[in-house]
Amino acid sequence: MLERKARSIGQESQDSLPFSSKTYSKAHDTLGRGGDYPVHMYSGDSYIPMIQAYVCTDCGKKYKWLDSLKRHQRVDCGNKEKKFCCHVCDRKFKYRYELRNHITAHHSG
């Protein structure tokens, strides 16, 4: 954005911009958020996301966000038992919302 403004004004060249080819990580911003944000690289007119993968050590699945990896390890990875059981037909689900949707669709009324 600054580069476009500099080009339109004609006062600065691309080499004099403060972040012409530096990397920027949202993880190191001043808001104190955690480190599960993707890294971006400034390239000309915009920031390009650099894929930072979080990999499951058990199955090798890759995730963009650390929270997604944690959820996968807690719920999906391996042969996890389905915790939520329908009291009418004994069908089991991984997530509570799936059980709720099932009851609404099949047993309500």
C-alpha atoms as a PDB file:
ATOM      1  CA  MET A   1       0.000   0.000   0.000  1.00  0.00           C
ATOM      2  CA  LEU A   2       2.806   2.417   0.833  1.00  0.00           C
ATOM      3  CA  GLU A   3       4.598   1.452  -2.337  1.00  0.00           C
ATOM      4  CA  ARG A   4       1.548   2.348  -4.437  1.00  0.00           C
ATOM      5  CA  LYS A   5       1.288   5.661  -2.649  1.00  0.00           C
ATOM      6  CA  ALA A   6       4.989   6.289  -3.185  1.00  0.00           C
ATOM      7  CA  ARG A   7       4.629   5.495  -6.895  1.00  0.00           C
ATOM      8  CA  SER A   8       1.654   7.807  -7.229  1.00  0.00           C
ATOM      9  CA  ILE A   9       3.436  10.652  -5.464  1.00  0.00           C
ATOM     10  CA  GLY A  10       6.735   9.893  -7.200  1.00  0.00           C
ATOM     11  CA  GLN A  11       8.825  10.932  -4.215  1.00  0.00           C
ATOM     12  CA  GLU A  12      10.152   7.578  -3.071  1.00  0.00           C
ATOM     13  CA  SER A  13      11.530   4.584  -4.879  1.00  0.00           C
ATOM     14  CA  GLN A  14      10.863   0.947  -3.995  1.00  0.00           C
ATOM     15  CA  ASP A  15      14.352   0.603  -2.492  1.00  0.00           C
ATOM     16  CA  SER A  16      13.731   3.327   0.051  1.00  0.00           C
ATOM     17  CA  LEU A  17      10.610   1.747   1.533  1.00  0.00           C
ATOM     18  CA  PRO A  18      11.126   0.564   5.121  1.00  0.00           C
ATOM     19  CA  PHE A  19       9.931  -3.029   4.515  1.00  0.00           C
ATOM     20  CA  SER A  20      10.472  -3.686   0.829  1.00  0.00           C
ATOM     21  CA  SER A  21      11.383  -7.356   1.216  1.00  0.00           C
ATOM     22  CA  LYS A  22      11.338  -8.028   4.955  1.00  0.00           C
ATOM     23  CA  THR A  23       9.224 -10.672   6.580  1.00  0.00           C
ATOM     24  CA  TYR A  24       6.501  -9.865   9.059  1.00  0.00           C
ATOM     25  CA  SER A  25       5.002 -12.206  11.602  1.00  0.00           C
ATOM     26  CA  LYS A  26       1.720 -11.398  13.291  1.00  0.00           C
ATOM     27  CA  ALA A  27       2.932 -13.558  16.162  1.00  0.00           C
ATOM     28  CA  HIS A  28       5.330 -10.793  17.166  1.00  0.00           C
ATOM     29  CA  ASP A  29       2.885  -7.920  17.102  1.00  0.00           C
ATOM     30  CA  THR A  30       2.320  -5.593  20.028  1.00  0.00           C
ATOM     31  CA  LEU A  31      -1.034  -7.105  21.018  1.00  0.00           C
ATOM     32  CA  GLY A  32       0.613 -10.061  22.728  1.00  0.00           C
ATOM     33  CA  ARG A  33      -1.269 -12.745  20.846  1.00  0.00           C
ATOM     34  CA  GLY A  34       0.038 -16.289  20.637  1.00  0.00           C
ATOM     35  CA  GLY A  35       2.279 -17.773  17.972  1.00  0.00           C
ATOM     36  CA  ASP A  36      -0.359 -19.529  15.889  1.00  0.00           C
ATOM     37  CA  TYR A  37      -0.581 -16.893  13.163  1.00  0.00           C
ATOM     38  CA  PRO A  38       0.789 -17.410   9.646  1.00  0.00           C
ATOM     39  CA  VAL A  39       3.920 -15.554   8.598  1.00  0.00           C
ATOM     40  CA  HIS A  40       3.536 -12.999   5.790  1.00  0.00           C
ATOM     41  CA  MET A  41       6.143 -11.613   3.412  1.00  0.00           C
ATOM     42  CA  TYR A  42       5.833  -8.202   1.799  1.00  0.00           C
ATOM     43  CA  SER A  43       6.190  -8.498  -1.944  1.00  0.00           C
ATOM     44  CA  GLY A  44       5.595  -5.432  -4.032  1.00  0.00           C
ATOM     45  CA  ASP A  45       1.962  -4.466  -3.629  1.00  0.00           C
ATOM     46  CA  SER A  46       0.753  -6.834  -0.925  1.00  0.00           C
ATOM     47  CA  TYR A  47       1.551  -9.285   1.826  1.00  0.00           C
ATOM     48  CA  ILE A  48       1.835 -12.887   0.646  1.00  0.00           C
ATOM     49  CA  PRO A  49       1.102 -15.581   3.230  1.00  0.00           C
ATOM     50  CA  MET A  50       3.948 -18.002   3.729  1.00  0.00           C
ATOM     51  CA  ILE A  51       2.374 -21.307   4.715  1.00  0.00           C
ATOM     52  CA  GLN A  52       3.523 -22.271   8.184  1.00  0.00           C
ATOM     53  CA  ALA A  53       2.284 -25.781   8.773  1.00  0.00           C
ATOM     54  CA  TYR A  54       1.627 -27.391  12.127  1.00  0.00           C
ATOM     55  CA  VAL A  55       2.155 -31.125  11.677  1.00  0.00           C
ATOM     56  CA  CYS A  56       0.635 -33.932  13.724  1.00  0.00           C
ATOM     57  CA  THR A  57       3.438 -36.106  15.065  1.00  0.00           C
ATOM     58  CA  ASP A  58       1.209 -39.192  15.030  1.00  0.00           C
ATOM     59  CA  CYS A  59      -0.253 -39.188  11.502  1.00  0.00           C
ATOM     60  CA  GLY A  60       1.568 -36.397   9.638  1.00  0.00           C
ATOM     61  CA  LYS A  61      -1.530 -34.299   8.849  1.00  0.00           C
ATOM     62  CA  LYS A  62      -0.745 -30.603   8.364  1.00  0.00           C
ATOM     63  CA  TYR A  63      -2.751 -27.682   9.678  1.00  0.00           C
ATOM     64  CA  LYS A  64      -2.496 -23.946   9.127  1.00  0.00           C
ATOM     65  CA  TRP A  65      -3.490 -23.109  12.703  1.00  0.00           C
ATOM     66  CA  LEU A  66      -2.167 -24.521  15.975  1.00  0.00           C
ATOM     67  CA  ASP A  67      -5.705 -24.703  17.391  1.00  0.00           C
ATOM     68  CA  SER A  68      -6.740 -26.921  14.475  1.00  0.00           C
ATOM     69  CA  LEU A  69      -3.859 -29.296  15.192  1.00  0.00           C
ATOM     70  CA  LYS A  70      -4.787 -29.439  18.891  1.00  0.00           C
ATOM     71  CA  ARG A  71      -8.425 -30.195  18.034  1.00  0.00           C
ATOM     72  CA  HIS A  72      -7.300 -32.904  15.609  1.00  0.00           C
ATOM     73  CA  GLN A  73      -5.102 -34.521  18.251  1.00  0.00           C
ATOM     74  CA  ARG A  74      -7.858 -34.310  20.872  1.00  0.00           C
ATOM     75  CA  VAL A  75     -10.766 -35.554  18.727  1.00  0.00           C
ATOM     76  CA  ASP A  76      -9.791 -36.981  15.343  1.00  0.00           C
ATOM     77  CA  CYS A  77      -6.301 -38.493  15.349  1.00  0.00           C
ATOM     78  CA  GLY A  78      -6.133 -42.226  15.684  1.00  0.00           C
ATOM     79  CA  ASN A  79      -9.113 -44.346  16.575  1.00  0.00           C
ATOM     80  CA  LYS A  80     -10.753 -42.042  19.137  1.00  0.00           C
ATOM     81  CA  GLU A  81     -13.970 -43.177  20.761  1.00  0.00           C
ATOM     82  CA  LYS A  82     -17.073 -41.226  19.806  1.00  0.00           C
ATOM     83  CA  LYS A  83     -18.249 -39.710  23.094  1.00  0.00           C
ATOM     84  CA  PHE A  84     -21.752 -38.489  22.297  1.00  0.00           C
ATOM     85  CA  CYS A  85     -24.417 -41.180  22.108  1.00  0.00           C
ATOM     86  CA  CYS A  86     -28.038 -40.804  20.998  1.00  0.00           C
ATOM     87  CA  HIS A  87     -30.376 -41.943  23.773  1.00  0.00           C
ATOM     88  CA  VAL A  88     -32.972 -43.141  21.235  1.00  0.00           C
ATOM     89  CA  CYS A  89     -31.012 -45.167  18.666  1.00  0.00           C
ATOM     90  CA  ASP A  90     -27.550 -45.479  20.287  1.00  0.00           C
ATOM     91  CA  ARG A  91     -25.772 -43.891  17.304  1.00  0.00           C
ATOM     92  CA  LYS A  92     -22.486 -42.221  18.373  1.00  0.00           C
ATOM     93  CA  PHE A  93     -20.907 -38.931  17.334  1.00  0.00           C
ATOM     94  CA  LYS A  94     -17.554 -37.186  17.806  1.00  0.00           C
ATOM     95  CA  TYR A  95     -19.087 -33.785  18.431  1.00  0.00           C
ATOM     96  CA  ARG A  96     -22.029 -32.666  20.558  1.00  0.00           C
ATOM     97  CA  TYR A  97     -23.427 -30.500  17.739  1.00  0.00           C
ATOM     98  CA  GLU A  98     -23.616 -33.586  15.482  1.00  0.00           C
ATOM     99  CA  LEU A  99     -25.697 -35.374  18.121  1.00  0.00           C
ATOM    100  CA  ARG A 100     -27.951 -32.332  18.507  1.00  0.00           C
ATOM    101  CA  ASN A 101     -28.470 -32.115  14.718  1.00  0.00           C
ATOM    102  CA  HIS A 102     -29.189 -35.855  14.574  1.00  0.00           C
ATOM    103  CA  ILE A 103     -31.821 -35.660  17.329  1.00  0.00           C
ATOM    104  CA  THR A 104     -33.454 -32.627  15.703  1.00  0.00           C
ATOM    105  CA  ALA A 105     -33.549 -34.258  12.271  1.00  0.00           C
ATOM    106  CA  HIS A 106     -34.507 -37.809  13.236  1.00  0.00           C
ATOM    107  CA  HIS A 107     -36.151 -37.903  16.667  1.00  0.00           C
ATOM    108  CA  SER A 108     -37.897 -34.569  17.203  1.00  0.00           C
ATOM    109  CA  GLY A 109     -41.644 -34.349  17.028  1.00  0.00           C
END
